[in-house]
Amino acid sequence: MLPDLILLDVMMPGMSGYEVCTQLRKKYSSALLPIIMVSACCAEKDVVQVGVGAHTMPL
């Protein structure tokens, strides 16, 4: 059973949130498993790494 969505921190020890997201996307589509990524970083270079289908919004 999958969760309704995953709330994922970009900056984690060991494996970054981007790496976790990439691994999850290999197995699950965004329609099947939505992922919301959050970060304290606000520089554009830090958020463009997310890629296609990503939307950024300041919090």
PDB file of N, CA and C in Angstrom:
ATOM      1  N   MET A   1       0.832  -1.177   0.000  1.00  0.00           N
ATOM      2  CA  MET A   1       0.000   0.000   0.000  1.00  0.00           C
ATOM      3  C   MET A   1       0.883   1.249   0.000  1.00  0.00           C
ATOM      4  N   LEU A   2       0.613   2.171  -0.911  1.00  0.00           N
ATOM      5  CA  LEU A   2       1.395   3.403  -1.040  1.00  0.00           C
ATOM      6  C   LEU A   2       0.780   4.539  -0.225  1.00  0.00           C
ATOM      7  N   PRO A   3       1.610   5.476   0.227  1.00  0.00           N
ATOM      8  CA  PRO A   3       1.064   6.665   0.888  1.00  0.00           C
ATOM      9  C   PRO A   3       0.342   7.544  -0.131  1.00  0.00           C
ATOM     10  N   ASP A   4      -0.498   8.456   0.335  1.00  0.00           N
ATOM     11  CA  ASP A   4      -1.199   9.384  -0.561  1.00  0.00           C
ATOM     12  C   ASP A   4      -0.233  10.345  -1.226  1.00  0.00           C
ATOM     13  N   LEU A   5       0.810  10.754  -0.497  1.00  0.00           N
ATOM     14  CA  LEU A   5       1.862  11.593  -1.050  1.00  0.00           C
ATOM     15  C   LEU A   5       3.074  11.520  -0.145  1.00  0.00           C
ATOM     16  N   ILE A   6       4.212  11.974  -0.672  1.00  0.00           N
ATOM     17  CA  ILE A   6       5.451  12.001   0.109  1.00  0.00           C
ATOM     18  C   ILE A   6       5.895  13.446   0.245  1.00  0.00           C
ATOM     19  N   LEU A   7       6.182  13.852   1.468  1.00  0.00           N
ATOM     20  CA  LEU A   7       6.752  15.155   1.762  1.00  0.00           C
ATOM     21  C   LEU A   7       8.250  14.920   1.977  1.00  0.00           C
ATOM     22  N   LEU A   8       9.068  15.467   1.085  1.00  0.00           N
ATOM     23  CA  LEU A   8      10.483  15.114   1.036  1.00  0.00           C
ATOM     24  C   LEU A   8      11.359  16.348   1.195  1.00  0.00           C
ATOM     25  N   ASP A   9      12.263  16.309   2.157  1.00  0.00           N
ATOM     26  CA  ASP A   9      13.218  17.394   2.367  1.00  0.00           C
ATOM     27  C   ASP A   9      14.339  17.274   1.347  1.00  0.00           C
ATOM     28  N   VAL A  10      14.705  18.388   0.737  1.00  0.00           N
ATOM     29  CA  VAL A  10      15.783  18.383  -0.255  1.00  0.00           C
ATOM     30  C   VAL A  10      17.124  18.085   0.391  1.00  0.00           C
ATOM     31  N   MET A  11      17.365  18.668   1.549  1.00  0.00           N
ATOM     32  CA  MET A  11      18.674  18.555   2.194  1.00  0.00           C
ATOM     33  C   MET A  11      18.622  17.524   3.321  1.00  0.00           C
ATOM     34  N   MET A  12      19.069  16.321   3.022  1.00  0.00           N
ATOM     35  CA  MET A  12      19.106  15.250   4.010  1.00  0.00           C
ATOM     36  C   MET A  12      20.524  14.693   4.075  1.00  0.00           C
ATOM     37  N   PRO A  13      20.894  14.112   5.192  1.00  0.00           N
ATOM     38  CA  PRO A  13      22.226  13.501   5.275  1.00  0.00           C
ATOM     39  C   PRO A  13      22.264  12.184   4.497  1.00  0.00           C
ATOM     40  N   GLY A  14      23.381  11.890   3.931  1.00  0.00           N
ATOM     41  CA  GLY A  14      23.542  10.613   3.227  1.00  0.00           C
ATOM     42  C   GLY A  14      23.088  10.674   1.784  1.00  0.00           C
ATOM     43  N   MET A  15      21.801  10.775   1.555  1.00  0.00           N
ATOM     44  CA  MET A  15      21.240  10.831   0.207  1.00  0.00           C
ATOM     45  C   MET A  15      20.364  12.073   0.120  1.00  0.00           C
ATOM     46  N   SER A  16      20.555  12.880  -0.911  1.00  0.00           N
ATOM     47  CA  SER A  16      19.767  14.105  -1.033  1.00  0.00           C
ATOM     48  C   SER A  16      18.325  13.771  -1.414  1.00  0.00           C
ATOM     49  N   GLY A  17      17.454  14.714  -1.187  1.00  0.00           N
ATOM     50  CA  GLY A  17      16.062  14.542  -1.580  1.00  0.00           C
ATOM     51  C   GLY A  17      15.914  14.346  -3.074  1.00  0.00           C
ATOM     52  N   TYR A  18      16.802  14.979  -3.859  1.00  0.00           N
ATOM     53  CA  TYR A  18      16.776  14.800  -5.311  1.00  0.00           C
ATOM     54  C   TYR A  18      17.059  13.343  -5.679  1.00  0.00           C
ATOM     55  N   GLU A  19      18.021  12.745  -4.998  1.00  0.00           N
ATOM     56  CA  GLU A  19      18.364  11.345  -5.272  1.00  0.00           C
ATOM     57  C   GLU A  19      17.223  10.416  -4.874  1.00  0.00           C
ATOM     58  N   VAL A  20      16.601  10.679  -3.734  1.00  0.00           N
ATOM     59  CA  VAL A  20      15.458   9.871  -3.295  1.00  0.00           C
ATOM     60  C   VAL A  20      14.320   9.994  -4.301  1.00  0.00           C
ATOM     61  N   CYS A  21      14.052  11.215  -4.732  1.00  0.00           N
ATOM     62  CA  CYS A  21      12.991  11.452  -5.713  1.00  0.00           C
ATOM     63  C   CYS A  21      13.274  10.711  -7.022  1.00  0.00           C
ATOM     64  N   THR A  22      14.512  10.776  -7.477  1.00  0.00           N
ATOM     65  CA  THR A  22      14.893  10.073  -8.712  1.00  0.00           C
ATOM     66  C   THR A  22      14.650   8.575  -8.589  1.00  0.00           C
ATOM     67  N   GLN A  23      15.020   7.997  -7.455  1.00  0.00           N
ATOM     68  CA  GLN A  23      14.811   6.563  -7.240  1.00  0.00           C
ATOM     69  C   GLN A  23      13.323   6.221  -7.204  1.00  0.00           C
ATOM     70  N   LEU A  24      12.535   7.044  -6.538  1.00  0.00           N
ATOM     71  CA  LEU A  24      11.095   6.808  -6.478  1.00  0.00           C
ATOM     72  C   LEU A  24      10.444   6.930  -7.851  1.00  0.00           C
ATOM     73  N   ARG A  25      10.890   7.901  -8.651  1.00  0.00           N
ATOM     74  CA  ARG A  25      10.312   8.106  -9.982  1.00  0.00           C
ATOM     75  C   ARG A  25      10.634   6.952 -10.936  1.00  0.00           C
ATOM     76  N   LYS A  26      11.692   6.243 -10.692  1.00  0.00           N
ATOM     77  CA  LYS A  26      12.010   5.071 -11.518  1.00  0.00           C
ATOM     78  C   LYS A  26      10.955   3.981 -11.339  1.00  0.00           C
ATOM     79  N   LYS A  27      10.314   3.977 -10.175  1.00  0.00           N
ATOM     80  CA  LYS A  27       9.346   2.928  -9.857  1.00  0.00           C
ATOM     81  C   LYS A  27       7.893   3.403  -9.901  1.00  0.00           C
ATOM     82  N   TYR A  28       7.658   4.674  -9.520  1.00  0.00           N
ATOM     83  CA  TYR A  28       6.291   5.181  -9.419  1.00  0.00           C
ATOM     84  C   TYR A  28       6.134   6.489 -10.196  1.00  0.00           C
ATOM     85  N   SER A  29       5.060   6.610 -10.951  1.00  0.00           N
ATOM     86  CA  SER A  29       4.776   7.849 -11.679  1.00  0.00           C
ATOM     87  C   SER A  29       4.277   8.914 -10.708  1.00  0.00           C
ATOM     88  N   SER A  30       4.295  10.167 -11.154  1.00  0.00           N
ATOM     89  CA  SER A  30       3.813  11.251 -10.299  1.00  0.00           C
ATOM     90  C   SER A  30       2.309  11.153 -10.068  1.00  0.00           C
ATOM     91  N   ALA A  31       1.583  10.539 -10.996  1.00  0.00           N
ATOM     92  CA  ALA A  31       0.140  10.339 -10.804  1.00  0.00           C
ATOM     93  C   ALA A  31      -0.133   9.299  -9.718  1.00  0.00           C
ATOM     94  N   LEU A  32       0.725   8.311  -9.632  1.00  0.00           N
ATOM     95  CA  LEU A  32       0.557   7.242  -8.649  1.00  0.00           C
ATOM     96  C   LEU A  32       1.080   7.645  -7.269  1.00  0.00           C
ATOM     97  N   LEU A  33       2.182   8.396  -7.239  1.00  0.00           N
ATOM     98  CA  LEU A  33       2.802   8.776  -5.973  1.00  0.00           C
ATOM     99  C   LEU A  33       3.311  10.217  -6.053  1.00  0.00           C
ATOM    100  N   PRO A  34       2.479  11.181  -5.684  1.00  0.00           N
ATOM    101  CA  PRO A  34       2.923  12.579  -5.715  1.00  0.00           C
ATOM    102  C   PRO A  34       3.996  12.842  -4.656  1.00  0.00           C
ATOM    103  N   ILE A  35       4.948  13.698  -5.010  1.00  0.00           N
ATOM    104  CA  ILE A  35       6.023  14.066  -4.087  1.00  0.00           C
ATOM    105  C   ILE A  35       6.062  15.584  -3.974  1.00  0.00           C
ATOM    106  N   ILE A  36       6.038  16.072  -2.754  1.00  0.00           N
ATOM    107  CA  ILE A  36       6.229  17.494  -2.487  1.00  0.00           C
ATOM    108  C   ILE A  36       7.604  17.629  -1.852  1.00  0.00           C
ATOM    109  N   MET A  37       8.464  18.397  -2.517  1.00  0.00           N
ATOM    110  CA  MET A  37       9.812  18.604  -1.998  1.00  0.00           C
ATOM    111  C   MET A  37       9.886  19.977  -1.357  1.00  0.00           C
ATOM    112  N   VAL A  38      10.475  20.047  -0.183  1.00  0.00           N
ATOM    113  CA  VAL A  38      10.622  21.315   0.533  1.00  0.00           C
ATOM    114  C   VAL A  38      12.094  21.557   0.837  1.00  0.00           C
ATOM    115  N   SER A  39      12.428  22.852   0.937  1.00  0.00           N
ATOM    116  CA  SER A  39      13.807  23.210   1.229  1.00  0.00           C
ATOM    117  C   SER A  39      13.862  24.605   1.807  1.00  0.00           C
ATOM    118  N   ALA A  40      14.856  24.848   2.621  1.00  0.00           N
ATOM    119  CA  ALA A  40      15.107  26.196   3.122  1.00  0.00           C
ATOM    120  C   ALA A  40      15.871  27.010   2.085  1.00  0.00           C
ATOM    121  N   CYS A  41      16.423  26.339   1.072  1.00  0.00           N
ATOM    122  CA  CYS A  41      17.159  27.029   0.010  1.00  0.00           C
ATOM    123  C   CYS A  41      16.170  27.770  -0.888  1.00  0.00           C
ATOM    124  N   CYS A  42      16.543  28.954  -1.284  1.00  0.00           N
ATOM    125  CA  CYS A  42      15.648  29.703  -2.173  1.00  0.00           C
ATOM    126  C   CYS A  42      16.354  30.157  -3.443  1.00  0.00           C
ATOM    127  N   ALA A  43      17.610  29.799  -3.608  1.00  0.00           N
ATOM    128  CA  ALA A  43      18.343  30.164  -4.821  1.00  0.00           C
ATOM    129  C   ALA A  43      17.833  29.337  -5.993  1.00  0.00           C
ATOM    130  N   GLU A  44      17.663  29.978  -7.141  1.00  0.00           N
ATOM    131  CA  GLU A  44      17.121  29.288  -8.309  1.00  0.00           C
ATOM    132  C   GLU A  44      17.947  28.069  -8.693  1.00  0.00           C
ATOM    133  N   LYS A  45      19.272  28.154  -8.551  1.00  0.00           N
ATOM    134  CA  LYS A  45      20.126  27.017  -8.904  1.00  0.00           C
ATOM    135  C   LYS A  45      19.805  25.788  -8.053  1.00  0.00           C
ATOM    136  N   ASP A  46      19.261  25.987  -6.852  1.00  0.00           N
ATOM    137  CA  ASP A  46      18.934  24.873  -5.971  1.00  0.00           C
ATOM    138  C   ASP A  46      17.604  24.214  -6.306  1.00  0.00           C
ATOM    139  N   VAL A  47      16.695  24.929  -6.953  1.00  0.00           N
ATOM    140  CA  VAL A  47      15.388  24.347  -7.242  1.00  0.00           C
ATOM    141  C   VAL A  47      15.235  23.869  -8.677  1.00  0.00           C
ATOM    142  N   VAL A  48      16.035  24.361  -9.613  1.00  0.00           N
ATOM    143  CA  VAL A  48      15.903  23.931 -11.002  1.00  0.00           C
ATOM    144  C   VAL A  48      16.340  22.479 -11.193  1.00  0.00           C
ATOM    145  N   GLN A  49      17.039  21.936 -10.240  1.00  0.00           N
ATOM    146  CA  GLN A  49      17.521  20.570 -10.316  1.00  0.00           C
ATOM    147  C   GLN A  49      16.376  19.554 -10.308  1.00  0.00           C
ATOM    148  N   VAL A  50      15.199  19.959  -9.865  1.00  0.00           N
ATOM    149  CA  VAL A  50      14.068  19.044  -9.741  1.00  0.00           C
ATOM    150  C   VAL A  50      13.637  18.503 -11.100  1.00  0.00           C
ATOM    151  N   GLY A  51      13.540  19.348 -12.111  1.00  0.00           N
ATOM    152  CA  GLY A  51      13.281  18.875 -13.455  1.00  0.00           C
ATOM    153  C   GLY A  51      11.848  19.009 -13.920  1.00  0.00           C
ATOM    154  N   VAL A  52      11.518  18.230 -14.956  1.00  0.00           N
ATOM    155  CA  VAL A  52      10.226  18.294 -15.630  1.00  0.00           C
ATOM    156  C   VAL A  52       9.086  17.934 -14.683  1.00  0.00           C
ATOM    157  N   GLY A  53       8.000  18.680 -14.799  1.00  0.00           N
ATOM    158  CA  GLY A  53       6.838  18.418 -13.975  1.00  0.00           C
ATOM    159  C   GLY A  53       6.921  19.027 -12.594  1.00  0.00           C
ATOM    160  N   ALA A  54       7.970  19.787 -12.345  1.00  0.00           N
ATOM    161  CA  ALA A  54       8.157  20.392 -11.033  1.00  0.00           C
ATOM    162  C   ALA A  54       7.656  21.819 -11.040  1.00  0.00           C
ATOM    163  N   HIS A  55       7.116  22.234  -9.934  1.00  0.00           N
ATOM    164  CA  HIS A  55       6.648  23.603  -9.762  1.00  0.00           C
ATOM    165  C   HIS A  55       7.276  24.152  -8.502  1.00  0.00           C
ATOM    166  N   THR A  56       7.746  25.370  -8.560  1.00  0.00           N
ATOM    167  CA  THR A  56       8.349  25.967  -7.380  1.00  0.00           C
ATOM    168  C   THR A  56       7.428  27.054  -6.841  1.00  0.00           C
ATOM    169  N   MET A  57       7.478  27.224  -5.530  1.00  0.00           N
ATOM    170  CA  MET A  57       6.645  28.225  -4.879  1.00  0.00           C
ATOM    171  C   MET A  57       7.320  28.644  -3.584  1.00  0.00           C
ATOM    172  N   PRO A  58       7.501  29.946  -3.392  1.00  0.00           N
ATOM    173  CA  PRO A  58       8.112  30.374  -2.137  1.00  0.00           C
ATOM    174  C   PRO A  58       7.172  30.117  -0.973  1.00  0.00           C
ATOM    175  N   LEU A  59       7.747  29.730   0.154  1.00  0.00           N
ATOM    176  CA  LEU A  59       6.941  29.479   1.351  1.00  0.00           C
ATOM    177  C   LEU A  59       7.224  30.521   2.397  1.00  0.00           C
TER     178      LEU A  59
END
